[in-house]
Amino acid sequence: MNFDFSDEQKLLRRGNFFLTDKPVLAVVNIGEDQLDSADALVKPVADELAGHGEVLAVCVKLEAEAAQLSDEERVEMSEGFGLGEGALARVARSAYHLLGLRTFLTTGDKESRAWSFRAGATAPECAGVIHSDLQRGFIRAEVIYWDQLIELGSWTAAKAAGRIRVEGSQYVVEDGDVLEIRFNV
């Protein structure tokens, strides 16, 4: 599989939405006895994709067995076999990422929300995901990464600790940022 095209070829292909131009998500079903060598098994496929996709190794048999268990038993089984969070979450996250989607969060006294945006979007563009008025009247965004906010416990505590950054209209929002948008319409 060769996905590398010259600039002239890319220009000719522009406007056409070929499936071969899309990133590939390959899910490889492996056996229980192959869990320890999963990385070695998927490496040839990953090398073939060469940055144009992602390969995940999944033991469907174990995943099906885990789905039949109670929550406590499922966690115990996942830890015992080293399955982590499970195949469904891994596949969904990989597909989301390959589609070029990322997530930012907003939080307040009553609720917190997650918003999807295209990778590389600026703070005003992300504000527009919430409401077009926020994008039109964008002044600045106050930003903190989600795990820092959780660690500190609240937006007020994060401000008091000086962990909130003030970013302007050129700021490229990162996956996992918590934003408070300042605007004036």
N, C-alpha and C. Protein backbone atom coordinates (compact mmCIF):
# COMPACT_ATOMS: atom_id res chain seq x y z
N MET A 1 0.84 -1.17 0.00
CA MET A 1 0.00 0.00 0.00
C MET A 1 0.88 1.23 0.00
N ASN A 2 0.79 2.04 -1.01
CA ASN A 2 1.57 3.25 -1.06
C ASN A 2 0.61 4.43 -1.15
N PHE A 3 0.59 5.25 -0.10
CA PHE A 3 -0.33 6.38 -0.04
C PHE A 3 0.35 7.70 -0.38
N ASP A 4 1.62 7.64 -0.75
CA ASP A 4 2.36 8.87 -1.01
C ASP A 4 2.14 9.31 -2.45
N PHE A 5 1.64 10.54 -2.62
CA PHE A 5 1.39 11.10 -3.94
C PHE A 5 2.21 12.37 -4.11
N SER A 6 2.59 12.64 -5.34
CA SER A 6 3.33 13.88 -5.62
C SER A 6 2.36 15.05 -5.49
N ASP A 7 2.90 16.26 -5.42
CA ASP A 7 2.04 17.45 -5.31
C ASP A 7 1.11 17.57 -6.50
N GLU A 8 1.59 17.21 -7.68
CA GLU A 8 0.77 17.27 -8.89
C GLU A 8 -0.39 16.27 -8.81
N GLN A 9 -0.09 15.07 -8.32
CA GLN A 9 -1.13 14.05 -8.17
C GLN A 9 -2.16 14.47 -7.13
N LYS A 10 -1.70 15.08 -6.05
CA LYS A 10 -2.63 15.55 -5.01
C LYS A 10 -3.55 16.63 -5.57
N LEU A 11 -3.00 17.50 -6.41
CA LEU A 11 -3.80 18.56 -7.02
C LEU A 11 -4.87 17.96 -7.93
N LEU A 12 -4.51 16.95 -8.70
CA LEU A 12 -5.47 16.29 -9.59
C LEU A 12 -6.56 15.56 -8.81
N ARG A 13 -6.21 15.03 -7.64
CA ARG A 13 -7.15 14.25 -6.84
C ARG A 13 -8.06 15.13 -5.99
N ARG A 14 -7.69 16.40 -5.82
CA ARG A 14 -8.46 17.28 -4.96
C ARG A 14 -9.91 17.37 -5.45
N GLY A 15 -10.83 17.35 -4.53
CA GLY A 15 -12.24 17.41 -4.89
C GLY A 15 -12.86 16.03 -5.03
N ASN A 16 -12.03 15.00 -5.13
CA ASN A 16 -12.52 13.63 -5.16
C ASN A 16 -12.28 13.02 -3.79
N PHE A 17 -13.23 12.27 -3.34
CA PHE A 17 -13.15 11.73 -1.99
C PHE A 17 -12.98 10.22 -2.08
N PHE A 18 -11.78 9.80 -2.46
CA PHE A 18 -11.48 8.39 -2.62
C PHE A 18 -11.32 7.71 -1.27
N LEU A 19 -11.81 6.49 -1.19
CA LEU A 19 -11.66 5.73 0.05
C LEU A 19 -10.19 5.48 0.37
N THR A 20 -9.36 5.40 -0.64
CA THR A 20 -7.94 5.16 -0.41
C THR A 20 -7.25 6.35 0.26
N ASP A 21 -7.91 7.49 0.27
CA ASP A 21 -7.36 8.67 0.93
C ASP A 21 -7.72 8.71 2.42
N LYS A 22 -8.63 7.88 2.83
CA LYS A 22 -9.11 7.88 4.21
C LYS A 22 -8.18 7.06 5.10
N PRO A 23 -8.05 7.45 6.35
CA PRO A 23 -7.24 6.63 7.27
C PRO A 23 -7.91 5.28 7.49
N VAL A 24 -7.11 4.30 7.83
CA VAL A 24 -7.58 2.93 8.00
C VAL A 24 -7.51 2.54 9.47
N LEU A 25 -8.57 1.92 9.95
CA LEU A 25 -8.55 1.34 11.29
C LEU A 25 -8.67 -0.17 11.12
N ALA A 26 -7.60 -0.87 11.42
CA ALA A 26 -7.58 -2.33 11.30
C ALA A 26 -7.69 -2.93 12.69
N VAL A 27 -8.70 -3.78 12.88
CA VAL A 27 -8.89 -4.47 14.15
C VAL A 27 -8.57 -5.94 13.90
N VAL A 28 -7.53 -6.43 14.56
CA VAL A 28 -7.04 -7.79 14.36
C VAL A 28 -7.51 -8.66 15.52
N ASN A 29 -8.25 -9.72 15.20
CA ASN A 29 -8.73 -10.65 16.21
C ASN A 29 -7.61 -11.65 16.53
N ILE A 30 -7.22 -11.70 17.78
CA ILE A 30 -6.16 -12.62 18.19
C ILE A 30 -6.71 -13.60 19.22
N GLY A 31 -6.03 -14.69 19.41
CA GLY A 31 -6.44 -15.70 20.39
C GLY A 31 -5.92 -15.38 21.77
N GLU A 32 -6.48 -16.07 22.76
CA GLU A 32 -6.05 -15.90 24.15
C GLU A 32 -4.56 -16.15 24.32
N ASP A 33 -4.07 -17.15 23.61
CA ASP A 33 -2.66 -17.53 23.73
C ASP A 33 -1.73 -16.53 23.03
N GLN A 34 -2.29 -15.57 22.29
CA GLN A 34 -1.48 -14.60 21.57
C GLN A 34 -1.46 -13.23 22.24
N LEU A 35 -2.09 -13.10 23.39
CA LEU A 35 -2.15 -11.80 24.06
C LEU A 35 -0.77 -11.23 24.36
N ASP A 36 0.16 -12.07 24.78
CA ASP A 36 1.50 -11.59 25.13
C ASP A 36 2.28 -11.11 23.91
N SER A 37 1.96 -11.62 22.73
CA SER A 37 2.70 -11.25 21.53
C SER A 37 1.86 -10.40 20.58
N ALA A 38 0.85 -9.72 21.10
CA ALA A 38 -0.07 -8.92 20.27
C ALA A 38 0.67 -7.86 19.47
N ASP A 39 1.62 -7.16 20.10
CA ASP A 39 2.35 -6.11 19.39
C ASP A 39 3.12 -6.66 18.20
N ALA A 40 3.75 -7.78 18.37
CA ALA A 40 4.50 -8.40 17.27
C ALA A 40 3.58 -8.87 16.15
N LEU A 41 2.37 -9.30 16.50
CA LEU A 41 1.42 -9.79 15.50
C LEU A 41 0.87 -8.65 14.63
N VAL A 42 0.65 -7.50 15.22
CA VAL A 42 0.07 -6.39 14.44
C VAL A 42 1.13 -5.50 13.79
N LYS A 43 2.39 -5.67 14.15
CA LYS A 43 3.44 -4.82 13.59
C LYS A 43 3.50 -4.84 12.06
N PRO A 44 3.40 -6.01 11.39
CA PRO A 44 3.44 -5.98 9.92
C PRO A 44 2.31 -5.15 9.30
N VAL A 45 1.13 -5.22 9.90
CA VAL A 45 0.00 -4.43 9.39
C VAL A 45 0.24 -2.95 9.65
N ALA A 46 0.72 -2.63 10.84
CA ALA A 46 1.02 -1.23 11.19
C ALA A 46 2.09 -0.67 10.28
N ASP A 47 3.12 -1.47 9.96
CA ASP A 47 4.17 -1.02 9.06
C ASP A 47 3.61 -0.75 7.66
N GLU A 48 2.68 -1.59 7.23
CA GLU A 48 2.07 -1.42 5.91
C GLU A 48 1.26 -0.13 5.84
N LEU A 49 0.60 0.21 6.93
CA LEU A 49 -0.20 1.44 6.96
C LEU A 49 0.68 2.68 7.05
N ALA A 50 1.84 2.55 7.64
CA ALA A 50 2.86 3.61 7.71
C ALA A 50 2.29 4.99 7.98
N GLY A 51 1.61 5.14 9.10
CA GLY A 51 1.12 6.46 9.49
C GLY A 51 -0.21 6.84 8.88
N HIS A 52 -0.81 5.98 8.07
CA HIS A 52 -2.10 6.28 7.45
C HIS A 52 -3.24 5.53 8.13
N GLY A 53 -2.99 5.10 9.34
CA GLY A 53 -4.03 4.39 10.05
C GLY A 53 -3.52 3.84 11.36
N GLU A 54 -4.34 3.00 11.95
CA GLU A 54 -4.00 2.44 13.25
C GLU A 54 -4.44 0.98 13.29
N VAL A 55 -3.70 0.17 14.03
CA VAL A 55 -4.01 -1.24 14.16
C VAL A 55 -4.22 -1.57 15.63
N LEU A 56 -5.32 -2.25 15.93
CA LEU A 56 -5.62 -2.67 17.29
C LEU A 56 -5.75 -4.18 17.34
N ALA A 57 -5.15 -4.79 18.33
CA ALA A 57 -5.30 -6.22 18.55
C ALA A 57 -6.38 -6.43 19.59
N VAL A 58 -7.33 -7.31 19.29
CA VAL A 58 -8.46 -7.57 20.16
C VAL A 58 -8.68 -9.07 20.25
N CYS A 59 -8.91 -9.56 21.44
CA CYS A 59 -9.30 -10.96 21.61
C CYS A 59 -10.82 -10.97 21.79
N VAL A 60 -11.52 -11.20 20.69
CA VAL A 60 -12.97 -11.12 20.68
C VAL A 60 -13.58 -12.15 21.63
N LYS A 61 -12.98 -13.32 21.72
CA LYS A 61 -13.49 -14.36 22.61
C LYS A 61 -13.51 -13.88 24.06
N LEU A 62 -12.38 -13.30 24.52
CA LEU A 62 -12.32 -12.80 25.90
C LEU A 62 -13.27 -11.62 26.11
N GLU A 63 -13.38 -10.75 25.09
CA GLU A 63 -14.29 -9.60 25.19
C GLU A 63 -15.73 -10.07 25.34
N ALA A 64 -16.11 -11.12 24.59
CA ALA A 64 -17.47 -11.66 24.67
C ALA A 64 -17.71 -12.28 26.05
N GLU A 65 -16.72 -12.98 26.57
CA GLU A 65 -16.85 -13.56 27.90
C GLU A 65 -16.97 -12.47 28.96
N ALA A 66 -16.18 -11.41 28.81
CA ALA A 66 -16.19 -10.31 29.78
C ALA A 66 -17.55 -9.59 29.77
N ALA A 67 -18.17 -9.51 28.61
CA ALA A 67 -19.46 -8.83 28.50
C ALA A 67 -20.56 -9.56 29.29
N GLN A 68 -20.38 -10.84 29.54
CA GLN A 68 -21.38 -11.63 30.27
C GLN A 68 -21.22 -11.53 31.78
N LEU A 69 -20.15 -10.91 32.24
CA LEU A 69 -19.84 -10.87 33.67
C LEU A 69 -20.40 -9.61 34.33
N SER A 70 -20.46 -9.64 35.66
CA SER A 70 -20.83 -8.44 36.42
C SER A 70 -19.68 -7.44 36.33
N ASP A 71 -19.94 -6.22 36.74
CA ASP A 71 -18.91 -5.17 36.65
C ASP A 71 -17.65 -5.53 37.42
N GLU A 72 -17.80 -6.04 38.65
CA GLU A 72 -16.63 -6.38 39.45
C GLU A 72 -15.83 -7.51 38.82
N GLU A 73 -16.55 -8.53 38.33
CA GLU A 73 -15.88 -9.66 37.70
C GLU A 73 -15.19 -9.24 36.40
N ARG A 74 -15.83 -8.32 35.66
CA ARG A 74 -15.24 -7.84 34.40
C ARG A 74 -13.94 -7.10 34.66
N VAL A 75 -13.92 -6.26 35.70
CA VAL A 75 -12.70 -5.53 36.06
C VAL A 75 -11.61 -6.51 36.46
N GLU A 76 -11.97 -7.50 37.26
CA GLU A 76 -11.00 -8.50 37.70
C GLU A 76 -10.43 -9.28 36.50
N MET A 77 -11.30 -9.66 35.58
CA MET A 77 -10.85 -10.40 34.39
C MET A 77 -9.96 -9.53 33.51
N SER A 78 -10.36 -8.28 33.32
CA SER A 78 -9.57 -7.36 32.50
C SER A 78 -8.18 -7.15 33.06
N GLU A 79 -8.09 -7.01 34.38
CA GLU A 79 -6.79 -6.87 35.03
C GLU A 79 -5.97 -8.14 34.91
N GLY A 80 -6.62 -9.27 35.08
CA GLY A 80 -5.92 -10.56 35.01
C GLY A 80 -5.31 -10.84 33.65
N PHE A 81 -6.05 -10.49 32.60
CA PHE A 81 -5.55 -10.74 31.24
C PHE A 81 -4.86 -9.53 30.63
N GLY A 82 -4.86 -8.40 31.34
CA GLY A 82 -4.22 -7.20 30.81
C GLY A 82 -4.98 -6.59 29.66
N LEU A 83 -6.31 -6.66 29.69
CA LEU A 83 -7.14 -6.14 28.59
C LEU A 83 -7.37 -4.64 28.69
N GLY A 84 -7.06 -4.07 29.82
CA GLY A 84 -7.26 -2.64 29.98
C GLY A 84 -8.74 -2.29 30.04
N GLU A 85 -9.11 -1.21 29.36
CA GLU A 85 -10.48 -0.72 29.42
C GLU A 85 -11.45 -1.48 28.54
N GLY A 86 -10.97 -2.35 27.70
CA GLY A 86 -11.83 -3.12 26.82
C GLY A 86 -11.74 -2.66 25.38
N ALA A 87 -12.12 -3.56 24.49
CA ALA A 87 -11.97 -3.31 23.05
C ALA A 87 -12.91 -2.22 22.54
N LEU A 88 -14.13 -2.20 23.01
CA LEU A 88 -15.09 -1.22 22.51
C LEU A 88 -14.60 0.21 22.71
N ALA A 89 -14.12 0.51 23.90
CA ALA A 89 -13.61 1.86 24.19
C ALA A 89 -12.38 2.17 23.34
N ARG A 90 -11.48 1.19 23.17
CA ARG A 90 -10.28 1.41 22.36
C ARG A 90 -10.61 1.65 20.90
N VAL A 91 -11.54 0.87 20.36
CA VAL A 91 -11.93 1.03 18.95
C VAL A 91 -12.62 2.38 18.75
N ALA A 92 -13.52 2.74 19.65
CA ALA A 92 -14.23 4.02 19.54
C ALA A 92 -13.25 5.19 19.60
N ARG A 93 -12.30 5.15 20.54
CA ARG A 93 -11.32 6.23 20.68
C ARG A 93 -10.44 6.34 19.44
N SER A 94 -10.01 5.21 18.91
CA SER A 94 -9.17 5.22 17.71
C SER A 94 -9.93 5.76 16.50
N ALA A 95 -11.18 5.33 16.34
CA ALA A 95 -11.99 5.82 15.22
C ALA A 95 -12.21 7.33 15.33
N TYR A 96 -12.52 7.80 16.52
CA TYR A 96 -12.73 9.22 16.79
C TYR A 96 -11.48 10.01 16.42
N HIS A 97 -10.32 9.50 16.84
CA HIS A 97 -9.05 10.17 16.57
C HIS A 97 -8.74 10.17 15.07
N LEU A 98 -8.93 9.03 14.40
CA LEU A 98 -8.64 8.93 12.98
C LEU A 98 -9.55 9.82 12.14
N LEU A 99 -10.75 10.09 12.63
CA LEU A 99 -11.66 10.99 11.93
C LEU A 99 -11.26 12.46 12.12
N GLY A 100 -10.23 12.69 12.92
CA GLY A 100 -9.75 14.05 13.14
C GLY A 100 -10.56 14.79 14.19
N LEU A 101 -11.24 14.06 15.04
CA LEU A 101 -12.05 14.69 16.08
C LEU A 101 -11.32 14.71 17.41
N ARG A 102 -11.57 15.75 18.17
CA ARG A 102 -11.02 15.90 19.49
C ARG A 102 -12.14 16.39 20.41
N THR A 103 -11.87 16.47 21.71
CA THR A 103 -12.89 16.90 22.66
C THR A 103 -12.36 17.99 23.57
N PHE A 104 -13.16 19.04 23.74
CA PHE A 104 -12.88 20.02 24.79
C PHE A 104 -14.08 20.02 25.72
N LEU A 105 -13.88 20.58 26.91
CA LEU A 105 -14.93 20.54 27.93
C LEU A 105 -15.26 21.95 28.41
N THR A 106 -16.48 22.09 28.88
CA THR A 106 -16.89 23.30 29.58
C THR A 106 -17.47 22.83 30.91
N THR A 107 -17.36 23.66 31.92
CA THR A 107 -17.88 23.26 33.23
C THR A 107 -18.44 24.48 33.95
N GLY A 108 -19.40 24.22 34.79
CA GLY A 108 -20.03 25.27 35.58
C GLY A 108 -20.53 24.69 36.88
N ASP A 109 -21.32 25.48 37.59
CA ASP A 109 -21.85 25.02 38.88
C ASP A 109 -22.83 23.87 38.70
N LYS A 110 -23.62 23.89 37.63
CA LYS A 110 -24.69 22.92 37.46
C LYS A 110 -24.32 21.74 36.58
N GLU A 111 -23.44 21.95 35.60
CA GLU A 111 -23.13 20.84 34.70
C GLU A 111 -21.76 21.02 34.04
N SER A 112 -21.25 19.93 33.57
CA SER A 112 -20.04 19.92 32.75
C SER A 112 -20.43 19.25 31.44
N ARG A 113 -19.83 19.72 30.34
CA ARG A 113 -20.17 19.17 29.03
C ARG A 113 -18.95 18.94 28.19
N ALA A 114 -19.02 17.92 27.35
CA ALA A 114 -17.95 17.63 26.39
C ALA A 114 -18.43 18.04 25.01
N TRP A 115 -17.53 18.66 24.22
CA TRP A 115 -17.86 19.13 22.88
C TRP A 115 -16.82 18.57 21.91
N SER A 116 -17.27 18.11 20.77
CA SER A 116 -16.37 17.60 19.74
C SER A 116 -15.98 18.73 18.79
N PHE A 117 -14.73 18.70 18.34
CA PHE A 117 -14.25 19.68 17.37
C PHE A 117 -13.21 19.04 16.48
N ARG A 118 -12.94 19.65 15.34
CA ARG A 118 -11.92 19.16 14.42
C ARG A 118 -10.53 19.51 14.95
N ALA A 119 -9.62 18.57 14.87
CA ALA A 119 -8.24 18.80 15.31
C ALA A 119 -7.68 20.02 14.59
N GLY A 120 -6.98 20.86 15.33
CA GLY A 120 -6.37 22.06 14.76
C GLY A 120 -7.25 23.29 14.85
N ALA A 121 -8.43 23.17 15.44
CA ALA A 121 -9.34 24.31 15.56
C ALA A 121 -8.82 25.30 16.59
N THR A 122 -9.07 26.58 16.34
CA THR A 122 -8.68 27.63 17.27
C THR A 122 -9.77 27.82 18.32
N ALA A 123 -9.45 28.57 19.35
CA ALA A 123 -10.40 28.82 20.44
C ALA A 123 -11.71 29.45 19.94
N PRO A 124 -11.66 30.45 19.05
CA PRO A 124 -12.94 30.99 18.55
C PRO A 124 -13.76 29.96 17.77
N GLU A 125 -13.10 29.10 17.01
CA GLU A 125 -13.82 28.06 16.28
C GLU A 125 -14.49 27.09 17.25
N CYS A 126 -13.81 26.75 18.32
CA CYS A 126 -14.40 25.87 19.34
C CYS A 126 -15.54 26.58 20.05
N ALA A 127 -15.41 27.87 20.29
CA ALA A 127 -16.50 28.63 20.89
C ALA A 127 -17.73 28.56 19.98
N GLY A 128 -17.51 28.58 18.67
CA GLY A 128 -18.60 28.48 17.70
C GLY A 128 -19.30 27.15 17.72
N VAL A 129 -18.63 26.10 18.20
CA VAL A 129 -19.27 24.80 18.35
C VAL A 129 -20.39 24.90 19.38
N ILE A 130 -20.18 25.69 20.41
CA ILE A 130 -21.17 25.87 21.47
C ILE A 130 -22.31 26.75 20.95
N HIS A 131 -21.95 27.92 20.40
CA HIS A 131 -22.95 28.84 19.86
C HIS A 131 -22.26 29.84 18.95
N SER A 132 -22.88 30.19 17.85
CA SER A 132 -22.26 31.11 16.89
C SER A 132 -21.99 32.49 17.49
N ASP A 133 -22.81 32.92 18.46
CA ASP A 133 -22.57 34.21 19.12
C ASP A 133 -21.26 34.21 19.89
N LEU A 134 -20.91 33.08 20.47
CA LEU A 134 -19.64 32.99 21.21
C LEU A 134 -18.46 33.17 20.27
N GLN A 135 -18.56 32.62 19.06
CA GLN A 135 -17.48 32.76 18.08
C GLN A 135 -17.41 34.20 17.58
N ARG A 136 -18.56 34.77 17.28
CA ARG A 136 -18.61 36.13 16.73
C ARG A 136 -18.06 37.16 17.72
N GLY A 137 -18.38 37.00 19.01
CA GLY A 137 -17.95 37.97 20.01
C GLY A 137 -16.77 37.53 20.85
N PHE A 138 -16.02 36.54 20.37
CA PHE A 138 -14.91 35.97 21.14
C PHE A 138 -13.92 37.04 21.58
N ILE A 139 -13.57 37.01 22.86
CA ILE A 139 -12.54 37.91 23.41
C ILE A 139 -11.32 37.08 23.79
N ARG A 140 -11.54 36.07 24.64
CA ARG A 140 -10.44 35.20 25.08
C ARG A 140 -11.03 33.92 25.68
N ALA A 141 -10.15 32.97 25.91
CA ALA A 141 -10.56 31.74 26.57
C ALA A 141 -9.66 31.52 27.78
N GLU A 142 -10.26 31.14 28.87
CA GLU A 142 -9.51 30.72 30.04
C GLU A 142 -9.43 29.20 29.95
N VAL A 143 -8.21 28.65 30.09
CA VAL A 143 -7.97 27.25 29.76
C VAL A 143 -7.20 26.54 30.86
N ILE A 144 -7.60 25.29 31.09
CA ILE A 144 -6.85 24.38 31.95
C ILE A 144 -7.08 22.98 31.40
N TYR A 145 -6.11 22.10 31.56
CA TYR A 145 -6.28 20.74 31.10
C TYR A 145 -7.13 19.98 32.12
N TRP A 146 -7.97 19.07 31.65
CA TRP A 146 -8.98 18.42 32.50
C TRP A 146 -8.39 17.72 33.73
N ASP A 147 -7.26 17.03 33.58
CA ASP A 147 -6.74 16.30 34.75
C ASP A 147 -6.21 17.25 35.82
N GLN A 148 -5.72 18.42 35.40
CA GLN A 148 -5.29 19.42 36.38
C GLN A 148 -6.49 19.97 37.15
N LEU A 149 -7.60 20.18 36.43
CA LEU A 149 -8.81 20.68 37.07
C LEU A 149 -9.35 19.66 38.07
N ILE A 150 -9.36 18.39 37.70
CA ILE A 150 -9.82 17.33 38.61
C ILE A 150 -8.93 17.29 39.85
N GLU A 151 -7.63 17.40 39.64
CA GLU A 151 -6.67 17.35 40.75
C GLU A 151 -6.92 18.50 41.73
N LEU A 152 -7.22 19.69 41.20
CA LEU A 152 -7.42 20.86 42.06
C LEU A 152 -8.83 20.93 42.64
N GLY A 153 -9.79 20.26 42.01
CA GLY A 153 -11.12 20.15 42.60
C GLY A 153 -12.18 21.10 42.09
N SER A 154 -11.80 22.30 41.67
CA SER A 154 -12.80 23.24 41.17
C SER A 154 -12.13 24.34 40.36
N TRP A 155 -12.94 25.04 39.58
CA TRP A 155 -12.43 26.15 38.77
C TRP A 155 -11.88 27.24 39.68
N THR A 156 -12.57 27.51 40.78
CA THR A 156 -12.14 28.54 41.74
C THR A 156 -10.79 28.18 42.34
N ALA A 157 -10.63 26.92 42.72
CA ALA A 157 -9.35 26.48 43.29
C ALA A 157 -8.23 26.56 42.26
N ALA A 158 -8.55 26.24 41.02
CA ALA A 158 -7.55 26.31 39.94
C ALA A 158 -7.12 27.76 39.70
N LYS A 159 -8.08 28.68 39.75
CA LYS A 159 -7.76 30.10 39.59
C LYS A 159 -6.89 30.59 40.74
N ALA A 160 -7.26 30.19 41.95
CA ALA A 160 -6.50 30.60 43.13
C ALA A 160 -5.07 30.06 43.08
N ALA A 161 -4.90 28.88 42.50
CA ALA A 161 -3.57 28.28 42.39
C ALA A 161 -2.79 28.82 41.18
N GLY A 162 -3.43 29.67 40.39
CA GLY A 162 -2.76 30.26 39.23
C GLY A 162 -2.56 29.28 38.08
N ARG A 163 -3.40 28.27 37.99
CA ARG A 163 -3.24 27.24 36.95
C ARG A 163 -4.07 27.51 35.70
N ILE A 164 -4.93 28.53 35.73
CA ILE A 164 -5.75 28.88 34.57
C ILE A 164 -4.92 29.77 33.63
N ARG A 165 -4.84 29.36 32.36
CA ARG A 165 -4.13 30.16 31.35
C ARG A 165 -5.14 31.01 30.58
N VAL A 166 -4.74 32.18 30.18
CA VAL A 166 -5.58 33.03 29.34
C VAL A 166 -5.02 32.95 27.93
N GLU A 167 -5.86 32.53 26.99
CA GLU A 167 -5.43 32.34 25.60
C GLU A 167 -6.27 33.22 24.68
N GLY A 168 -5.65 33.68 23.61
CA GLY A 168 -6.32 34.54 22.64
C GLY A 168 -6.89 33.77 21.46
N SER A 169 -7.22 34.52 20.42
CA SER A 169 -7.92 33.94 19.27
C SER A 169 -7.05 33.02 18.43
N GLN A 170 -5.74 33.05 18.60
CA GLN A 170 -4.85 32.18 17.81
C GLN A 170 -4.57 30.86 18.50
N TYR A 171 -5.06 30.68 19.71
CA TYR A 171 -4.79 29.46 20.47
C TYR A 171 -5.44 28.26 19.79
N VAL A 172 -4.65 27.22 19.55
CA VAL A 172 -5.15 25.97 18.99
C VAL A 172 -5.53 25.07 20.16
N VAL A 173 -6.80 24.77 20.26
CA VAL A 173 -7.33 23.99 21.38
C VAL A 173 -6.82 22.56 21.31
N GLU A 174 -6.45 22.02 22.46
CA GLU A 174 -5.94 20.66 22.55
C GLU A 174 -7.01 19.73 23.10
N ASP A 175 -6.89 18.47 22.74
CA ASP A 175 -7.80 17.45 23.23
C ASP A 175 -7.73 17.42 24.75
N GLY A 176 -8.86 17.58 25.43
CA GLY A 176 -8.89 17.53 26.89
C GLY A 176 -8.83 18.89 27.57
N ASP A 177 -8.75 19.97 26.81
CA ASP A 177 -8.78 21.30 27.41
C ASP A 177 -10.15 21.58 28.00
N VAL A 178 -10.18 22.28 29.13
CA VAL A 178 -11.43 22.79 29.69
C VAL A 178 -11.40 24.29 29.43
N LEU A 179 -12.44 24.79 28.76
CA LEU A 179 -12.47 26.19 28.35
C LEU A 179 -13.59 26.95 29.06
N GLU A 180 -13.28 28.19 29.40
CA GLU A 180 -14.32 29.15 29.77
C GLU A 180 -14.16 30.29 28.78
N ILE A 181 -15.17 30.51 27.98
CA ILE A 181 -15.12 31.47 26.88
C ILE A 181 -15.59 32.82 27.38
N ARG A 182 -14.79 33.83 27.12
CA ARG A 182 -15.17 35.22 27.39
C ARG A 182 -15.54 35.84 26.05
N PHE A 183 -16.72 36.46 26.01
CA PHE A 183 -17.19 37.03 24.75
C PHE A 183 -18.03 38.26 25.01
N ASN A 184 -18.26 39.03 23.97
CA ASN A 184 -19.11 40.22 24.04
C ASN A 184 -19.80 40.37 22.69
N VAL A 185 -21.12 40.30 22.72
CA VAL A 185 -21.88 40.43 21.46
C VAL A 185 -22.67 41.72 21.50
